[in-house]
């Protein structure tokens, strides 16, 4: 992380102190960090996955809608934020790398540096409790 922009470094620092799952990507969409609460939902420690391309992370957790249909990457909030550089939100199912299915709610937003430089994006997500 030492060669990253200060805004990204601070975002990672914040993610490390949150009890909510956080996923951070760089301007190319490559996964550069997820925190410990995210490790529990995703099924693997960040140290074991390391950096992943957008193509890989947007499909590896098999995101699906409520009817079981696989969601294309462009329907995922974090991919929408990467494309539009605007906040996005959505709910969908994922399958962890341990095979456990969770319905999650995801809110993503861009990381912007000055003057108006796009530095990546953050997704904050949590498990939706079934009623």
N, C-alpha and C. Protein backbone atom coordinates (compact mmCIF):
# COMPACT_ATOMS: atom_id res chain seq x y z
N UNK A 1 0.81 -1.20 0.00
CA UNK A 1 0.00 0.00 0.00
C UNK A 1 0.86 1.27 0.00
N UNK A 2 2.16 1.19 0.21
CA UNK A 2 2.97 2.38 0.37
C UNK A 2 2.99 3.26 -0.89
N UNK A 3 2.78 2.71 -2.06
CA UNK A 3 2.80 3.52 -3.28
C UNK A 3 1.41 4.01 -3.66
N UNK A 4 0.42 3.81 -2.85
CA UNK A 4 -0.95 4.25 -3.12
C UNK A 4 -1.15 5.70 -2.69
N UNK A 5 -2.18 6.31 -3.25
CA UNK A 5 -2.57 7.67 -2.88
C UNK A 5 -2.99 7.69 -1.41
N UNK A 6 -2.79 8.81 -0.76
CA UNK A 6 -3.11 8.93 0.67
C UNK A 6 -4.58 8.65 0.94
N UNK A 7 -5.48 9.04 0.04
CA UNK A 7 -6.91 8.78 0.24
C UNK A 7 -7.21 7.29 0.30
N UNK A 8 -6.51 6.51 -0.51
CA UNK A 8 -6.70 5.06 -0.52
C UNK A 8 -6.10 4.44 0.74
N UNK A 9 -4.94 4.93 1.15
CA UNK A 9 -4.31 4.44 2.38
C UNK A 9 -5.22 4.71 3.57
N UNK A 10 -5.78 5.91 3.63
CA UNK A 10 -6.69 6.24 4.73
C UNK A 10 -7.98 5.42 4.66
N UNK A 11 -8.46 5.13 3.47
CA UNK A 11 -9.65 4.29 3.31
C UNK A 11 -9.40 2.90 3.86
N UNK A 12 -8.22 2.37 3.58
CA UNK A 12 -7.88 1.05 4.11
C UNK A 12 -7.78 1.10 5.64
N UNK A 13 -7.19 2.15 6.16
CA UNK A 13 -7.07 2.31 7.60
C UNK A 13 -8.46 2.34 8.24
N UNK A 14 -9.37 3.09 7.65
CA UNK A 14 -10.75 3.14 8.14
C UNK A 14 -11.39 1.76 8.06
N UNK A 15 -11.25 1.08 6.94
CA UNK A 15 -11.83 -0.26 6.76
C UNK A 15 -11.35 -1.22 7.83
N UNK A 16 -10.08 -1.12 8.19
CA UNK A 16 -9.51 -1.99 9.21
C UNK A 16 -10.15 -1.80 10.59
N UNK A 17 -10.73 -0.64 10.82
CA UNK A 17 -11.31 -0.37 12.14
C UNK A 17 -12.82 -0.51 12.18
N UNK A 18 -13.45 -0.86 11.08
CA UNK A 18 -14.90 -1.02 11.04
C UNK A 18 -15.33 -2.45 11.32
N UNK A 19 -16.52 -2.59 11.91
CA UNK A 19 -17.07 -3.92 12.16
C UNK A 19 -17.95 -4.38 11.00
N UNK A 20 -18.11 -3.53 9.99
CA UNK A 20 -18.88 -3.85 8.80
C UNK A 20 -17.92 -4.28 7.70
N UNK A 21 -18.34 -5.18 6.85
CA UNK A 21 -17.49 -5.66 5.76
C UNK A 21 -17.20 -4.55 4.76
N UNK A 22 -15.93 -4.44 4.36
CA UNK A 22 -15.49 -3.42 3.41
C UNK A 22 -14.58 -4.05 2.37
N UNK A 23 -14.76 -3.63 1.12
CA UNK A 23 -14.04 -4.13 -0.05
C UNK A 23 -13.52 -2.89 -0.78
N UNK A 24 -12.22 -2.80 -1.08
CA UNK A 24 -11.66 -1.62 -1.74
C UNK A 24 -11.01 -2.04 -3.06
N UNK A 25 -11.29 -1.25 -4.10
CA UNK A 25 -10.70 -1.50 -5.42
C UNK A 25 -9.96 -0.25 -5.90
N UNK A 26 -8.98 -0.47 -6.78
CA UNK A 26 -8.22 0.65 -7.34
C UNK A 26 -8.93 1.19 -8.58
N UNK A 27 -8.38 2.21 -9.25
CA UNK A 27 -9.07 2.80 -10.41
C UNK A 27 -9.31 1.83 -11.57
N UNK A 28 -8.52 0.77 -11.65
CA UNK A 28 -8.72 -0.24 -12.70
C UNK A 28 -9.75 -1.29 -12.29
N UNK A 29 -10.24 -1.22 -11.04
CA UNK A 29 -11.21 -2.18 -10.56
C UNK A 29 -10.60 -3.39 -9.88
N UNK A 30 -9.28 -3.42 -9.75
CA UNK A 30 -8.63 -4.54 -9.07
C UNK A 30 -8.84 -4.44 -7.57
N UNK A 31 -9.23 -5.56 -6.98
CA UNK A 31 -9.38 -5.63 -5.52
C UNK A 31 -8.02 -5.39 -4.90
N UNK A 32 -7.95 -4.43 -3.96
CA UNK A 32 -6.67 -4.19 -3.29
C UNK A 32 -6.75 -4.43 -1.79
N UNK A 33 -7.98 -4.63 -1.25
CA UNK A 33 -8.10 -4.93 0.18
C UNK A 33 -9.54 -5.26 0.52
N UNK A 34 -9.72 -6.19 1.46
CA UNK A 34 -10.98 -6.32 2.18
C UNK A 34 -10.66 -6.63 3.63
N UNK A 35 -11.54 -6.18 4.53
CA UNK A 35 -11.25 -6.26 5.96
C UNK A 35 -11.69 -7.60 6.57
N UNK A 36 -11.40 -7.75 7.86
CA UNK A 36 -11.68 -9.00 8.57
C UNK A 36 -13.17 -9.38 8.56
N UNK A 37 -14.11 -8.44 8.81
CA UNK A 37 -15.52 -8.83 8.72
C UNK A 37 -15.89 -9.34 7.32
N UNK A 38 -15.29 -8.80 6.27
CA UNK A 38 -15.54 -9.28 4.91
C UNK A 38 -14.99 -10.70 4.73
N UNK A 39 -13.87 -10.98 5.36
CA UNK A 39 -13.27 -12.31 5.27
C UNK A 39 -14.25 -13.39 5.72
N UNK A 40 -15.01 -13.08 6.76
CA UNK A 40 -15.99 -14.03 7.29
C UNK A 40 -17.09 -14.33 6.26
N UNK A 41 -17.60 -13.29 5.59
CA UNK A 41 -18.65 -13.49 4.59
C UNK A 41 -18.12 -14.09 3.29
N UNK A 42 -16.92 -13.69 2.90
CA UNK A 42 -16.35 -14.16 1.64
C UNK A 42 -15.72 -15.54 1.75
N UNK A 43 -15.35 -15.94 2.96
CA UNK A 43 -14.86 -17.30 3.18
C UNK A 43 -13.37 -17.49 3.06
N UNK A 44 -12.60 -16.41 2.93
CA UNK A 44 -11.15 -16.53 2.80
C UNK A 44 -10.51 -15.22 3.26
N UNK A 45 -9.37 -15.33 3.91
CA UNK A 45 -8.65 -14.15 4.38
C UNK A 45 -8.08 -13.41 3.17
N UNK A 46 -7.98 -12.09 3.30
CA UNK A 46 -7.41 -11.30 2.20
C UNK A 46 -5.99 -11.76 1.87
N UNK A 47 -5.22 -12.09 2.89
CA UNK A 47 -3.85 -12.54 2.65
C UNK A 47 -3.80 -13.79 1.77
N UNK A 48 -4.89 -14.56 1.75
CA UNK A 48 -4.94 -15.78 0.93
C UNK A 48 -5.41 -15.51 -0.50
N UNK A 49 -6.17 -14.45 -0.70
CA UNK A 49 -6.63 -14.14 -2.06
C UNK A 49 -5.73 -13.12 -2.72
N UNK A 50 -5.32 -12.10 -1.97
CA UNK A 50 -4.51 -11.03 -2.54
C UNK A 50 -5.28 -10.24 -3.58
N UNK A 51 -4.54 -9.52 -4.40
CA UNK A 51 -5.14 -8.68 -5.43
C UNK A 51 -5.87 -9.56 -6.45
N UNK A 52 -7.09 -9.11 -6.84
CA UNK A 52 -7.88 -9.82 -7.85
C UNK A 52 -8.39 -8.81 -8.86
N UNK A 53 -8.45 -9.20 -10.11
CA UNK A 53 -9.01 -8.32 -11.14
C UNK A 53 -10.52 -8.19 -10.97
N UNK A 54 -11.11 -7.17 -11.59
CA UNK A 54 -12.55 -6.99 -11.52
C UNK A 54 -13.27 -8.20 -12.11
N UNK A 55 -12.77 -8.73 -13.20
CA UNK A 55 -13.40 -9.90 -13.82
C UNK A 55 -13.45 -11.07 -12.84
N UNK A 56 -12.40 -11.23 -12.05
CA UNK A 56 -12.34 -12.34 -11.10
C UNK A 56 -13.26 -12.11 -9.91
N UNK A 57 -13.14 -10.95 -9.21
CA UNK A 57 -13.95 -10.76 -8.00
C UNK A 57 -15.43 -10.58 -8.31
N UNK A 58 -15.76 -10.09 -9.50
CA UNK A 58 -17.18 -9.89 -9.81
C UNK A 58 -17.90 -11.19 -10.15
N UNK A 59 -17.15 -12.27 -10.30
CA UNK A 59 -17.79 -13.55 -10.61
C UNK A 59 -17.46 -14.67 -9.61
N UNK A 60 -16.36 -14.58 -8.89
CA UNK A 60 -15.91 -15.66 -8.02
C UNK A 60 -16.90 -16.00 -6.90
N UNK A 61 -17.65 -14.99 -6.44
CA UNK A 61 -18.61 -15.22 -5.36
C UNK A 61 -20.01 -15.51 -5.89
N UNK A 62 -20.13 -15.75 -7.18
CA UNK A 62 -21.36 -16.14 -7.87
C UNK A 62 -22.56 -15.29 -7.45
N UNK A 63 -22.52 -13.97 -7.69
CA UNK A 63 -23.66 -13.13 -7.31
C UNK A 63 -24.93 -13.52 -8.08
N UNK A 64 -26.04 -13.64 -7.34
CA UNK A 64 -27.32 -14.06 -7.93
C UNK A 64 -28.45 -13.19 -7.41
N UNK A 65 -29.50 -13.09 -8.21
CA UNK A 65 -30.69 -12.37 -7.76
C UNK A 65 -31.56 -13.31 -6.92
N UNK A 66 -32.72 -12.81 -6.48
CA UNK A 66 -33.60 -13.59 -5.62
C UNK A 66 -34.18 -14.83 -6.31
N UNK A 67 -34.13 -14.87 -7.64
CA UNK A 67 -34.65 -16.01 -8.39
C UNK A 67 -33.56 -17.02 -8.75
N UNK A 68 -32.34 -16.76 -8.28
CA UNK A 68 -31.23 -17.67 -8.54
C UNK A 68 -30.48 -17.40 -9.84
N UNK A 69 -30.86 -16.33 -10.56
CA UNK A 69 -30.18 -15.99 -11.81
C UNK A 69 -28.84 -15.31 -11.51
N UNK A 70 -27.81 -15.71 -12.22
CA UNK A 70 -26.50 -15.09 -12.04
C UNK A 70 -26.56 -13.65 -12.53
N UNK A 71 -26.06 -12.74 -11.70
CA UNK A 71 -26.03 -11.32 -12.07
C UNK A 71 -24.80 -11.02 -12.91
N UNK A 72 -24.99 -10.32 -14.01
CA UNK A 72 -23.81 -9.90 -14.78
C UNK A 72 -23.04 -8.85 -13.98
N UNK A 73 -21.74 -8.75 -14.17
CA UNK A 73 -20.95 -7.79 -13.40
C UNK A 73 -21.50 -6.37 -13.42
N UNK A 74 -22.02 -5.92 -14.56
CA UNK A 74 -22.50 -4.53 -14.65
C UNK A 74 -23.70 -4.24 -13.76
N UNK A 75 -24.32 -5.26 -13.18
CA UNK A 75 -25.43 -5.05 -12.26
C UNK A 75 -24.98 -4.99 -10.79
N UNK A 76 -23.70 -5.18 -10.53
CA UNK A 76 -23.18 -5.11 -9.16
C UNK A 76 -22.88 -3.66 -8.79
N UNK A 77 -23.28 -3.23 -7.59
CA UNK A 77 -23.06 -1.84 -7.20
C UNK A 77 -21.62 -1.36 -7.35
N UNK A 78 -20.65 -2.18 -6.97
CA UNK A 78 -19.25 -1.74 -7.05
C UNK A 78 -18.81 -1.56 -8.50
N UNK A 79 -19.26 -2.41 -9.39
CA UNK A 79 -18.93 -2.25 -10.81
C UNK A 79 -19.61 -0.99 -11.35
N UNK A 80 -20.85 -0.74 -10.92
CA UNK A 80 -21.54 0.48 -11.34
C UNK A 80 -20.79 1.72 -10.86
N UNK A 81 -20.30 1.69 -9.63
CA UNK A 81 -19.52 2.82 -9.11
C UNK A 81 -18.24 2.99 -9.91
N UNK A 82 -17.59 1.91 -10.27
CA UNK A 82 -16.37 2.00 -11.08
C UNK A 82 -16.67 2.61 -12.45
N UNK A 83 -17.79 2.24 -13.02
CA UNK A 83 -18.14 2.72 -14.35
C UNK A 83 -18.61 4.17 -14.35
N UNK A 84 -19.48 4.50 -13.41
CA UNK A 84 -20.11 5.82 -13.38
C UNK A 84 -19.42 6.82 -12.44
N UNK A 85 -18.55 6.31 -11.57
CA UNK A 85 -17.92 7.13 -10.52
C UNK A 85 -18.97 7.84 -9.68
N UNK A 86 -20.04 7.10 -9.39
CA UNK A 86 -21.17 7.57 -8.58
C UNK A 86 -21.51 6.49 -7.56
N UNK A 87 -22.11 6.85 -6.41
CA UNK A 87 -22.55 5.84 -5.45
C UNK A 87 -23.59 4.91 -6.07
N UNK A 88 -23.65 3.69 -5.55
CA UNK A 88 -24.63 2.70 -6.02
C UNK A 88 -25.01 1.80 -4.84
N UNK A 89 -26.16 1.16 -4.96
CA UNK A 89 -26.63 0.27 -3.90
C UNK A 89 -27.40 -0.89 -4.53
N UNK A 90 -27.34 -2.04 -3.87
CA UNK A 90 -28.11 -3.19 -4.33
C UNK A 90 -28.10 -4.30 -3.31
N UNK A 91 -28.97 -5.27 -3.53
CA UNK A 91 -29.05 -6.47 -2.69
C UNK A 91 -29.02 -7.68 -3.60
N UNK A 92 -28.28 -8.69 -3.20
CA UNK A 92 -28.19 -9.91 -3.99
C UNK A 92 -27.58 -11.01 -3.13
N UNK A 93 -27.56 -12.21 -3.68
CA UNK A 93 -27.00 -13.38 -3.00
C UNK A 93 -25.58 -13.62 -3.48
N UNK A 94 -24.72 -14.05 -2.56
CA UNK A 94 -23.38 -14.50 -2.93
C UNK A 94 -23.16 -15.88 -2.34
N UNK A 95 -22.21 -16.57 -2.90
CA UNK A 95 -21.79 -17.86 -2.35
C UNK A 95 -20.34 -17.69 -1.93
N UNK A 96 -20.09 -17.85 -0.63
CA UNK A 96 -18.73 -17.68 -0.12
C UNK A 96 -17.82 -18.75 -0.70
N UNK A 97 -16.53 -18.55 -0.55
CA UNK A 97 -15.58 -19.55 -1.04
C UNK A 97 -15.62 -20.83 -0.21
N UNK A 98 -16.38 -20.81 0.89
CA UNK A 98 -16.62 -22.02 1.69
C UNK A 98 -17.94 -22.67 1.32
N UNK A 99 -18.64 -22.10 0.33
CA UNK A 99 -19.88 -22.68 -0.15
C UNK A 99 -21.14 -22.23 0.57
N UNK A 100 -21.02 -21.25 1.46
CA UNK A 100 -22.18 -20.76 2.22
C UNK A 100 -22.84 -19.61 1.46
N UNK A 101 -24.18 -19.65 1.33
CA UNK A 101 -24.90 -18.60 0.62
C UNK A 101 -25.40 -17.55 1.60
N UNK A 102 -25.21 -16.29 1.22
CA UNK A 102 -25.66 -15.15 2.02
C UNK A 102 -26.37 -14.16 1.12
N UNK A 103 -27.44 -13.57 1.64
CA UNK A 103 -28.02 -12.42 0.95
C UNK A 103 -27.37 -11.20 1.58
N UNK A 104 -26.82 -10.33 0.73
CA UNK A 104 -26.12 -9.16 1.23
C UNK A 104 -26.71 -7.87 0.65
N UNK A 105 -26.53 -6.81 1.39
CA UNK A 105 -26.87 -5.47 0.95
C UNK A 105 -25.54 -4.75 0.77
N UNK A 106 -25.37 -4.08 -0.38
CA UNK A 106 -24.10 -3.46 -0.71
C UNK A 106 -24.31 -1.99 -1.07
N UNK A 107 -23.52 -1.13 -0.47
CA UNK A 107 -23.48 0.27 -0.85
C UNK A 107 -22.05 0.58 -1.25
N UNK A 108 -21.88 1.18 -2.42
CA UNK A 108 -20.53 1.50 -2.89
C UNK A 108 -20.45 2.98 -3.24
N UNK A 109 -19.24 3.51 -3.13
CA UNK A 109 -19.02 4.91 -3.47
C UNK A 109 -17.59 5.10 -3.94
N UNK A 110 -17.37 6.13 -4.77
CA UNK A 110 -16.01 6.34 -5.29
C UNK A 110 -15.09 6.97 -4.25
N UNK A 111 -13.81 6.72 -4.40
CA UNK A 111 -12.78 7.41 -3.62
C UNK A 111 -12.23 8.49 -4.56
N UNK A 112 -12.40 9.73 -4.17
CA UNK A 112 -11.98 10.85 -5.02
C UNK A 112 -10.84 11.62 -4.35
N UNK A 113 -9.82 11.91 -5.11
CA UNK A 113 -8.73 12.75 -4.65
C UNK A 113 -8.92 14.14 -5.23
N UNK A 114 -8.09 15.03 -4.81
CA UNK A 114 -8.18 16.40 -5.34
C UNK A 114 -7.17 16.56 -6.45
N UNK A 115 -7.41 17.30 -7.46
CA UNK A 115 -8.69 17.90 -7.85
C UNK A 115 -9.51 16.91 -8.69
N UNK A 116 -10.56 16.39 -8.12
CA UNK A 116 -11.52 15.52 -8.81
C UNK A 116 -10.85 14.33 -9.52
N UNK A 117 -9.92 13.67 -8.83
CA UNK A 117 -9.23 12.49 -9.39
C UNK A 117 -9.89 11.23 -8.85
N UNK A 118 -10.26 10.33 -9.74
CA UNK A 118 -10.86 9.06 -9.34
C UNK A 118 -9.74 8.10 -8.93
N UNK A 119 -9.78 7.64 -7.66
CA UNK A 119 -8.72 6.81 -7.11
C UNK A 119 -9.13 5.37 -6.84
N UNK A 120 -10.41 5.07 -7.05
CA UNK A 120 -10.91 3.73 -6.78
C UNK A 120 -12.28 3.81 -6.16
N UNK A 121 -12.69 2.74 -5.49
CA UNK A 121 -14.02 2.70 -4.90
C UNK A 121 -14.04 1.78 -3.68
N UNK A 122 -15.04 2.02 -2.85
CA UNK A 122 -15.26 1.23 -1.65
C UNK A 122 -16.66 0.65 -1.69
N UNK A 123 -16.78 -0.61 -1.30
CA UNK A 123 -18.10 -1.22 -1.10
C UNK A 123 -18.20 -1.62 0.37
N UNK A 124 -19.27 -1.20 0.99
CA UNK A 124 -19.58 -1.61 2.36
C UNK A 124 -20.76 -2.55 2.25
N UNK A 125 -20.65 -3.72 2.86
CA UNK A 125 -21.74 -4.69 2.70
C UNK A 125 -21.98 -5.45 3.99
N UNK A 126 -23.19 -5.96 4.10
CA UNK A 126 -23.59 -6.69 5.29
C UNK A 126 -24.61 -7.75 4.92
N UNK A 127 -24.65 -8.76 5.76
CA UNK A 127 -25.58 -9.87 5.58
C UNK A 127 -26.99 -9.41 5.95
N UNK A 128 -27.96 -9.75 5.11
CA UNK A 128 -29.36 -9.45 5.40
C UNK A 128 -29.94 -10.64 6.15
N UNK A 129 -30.51 -10.36 7.27
CA UNK A 129 -31.11 -11.43 8.08
C UNK A 129 -32.44 -11.85 7.47
N UNK A 130 -32.59 -13.14 7.27
CA UNK A 130 -33.85 -13.68 6.74
C UNK A 130 -34.92 -13.63 7.80
N UNK A 131 -36.13 -13.27 7.40
CA UNK A 131 -37.25 -13.16 8.35
C UNK A 131 -37.96 -14.47 8.51
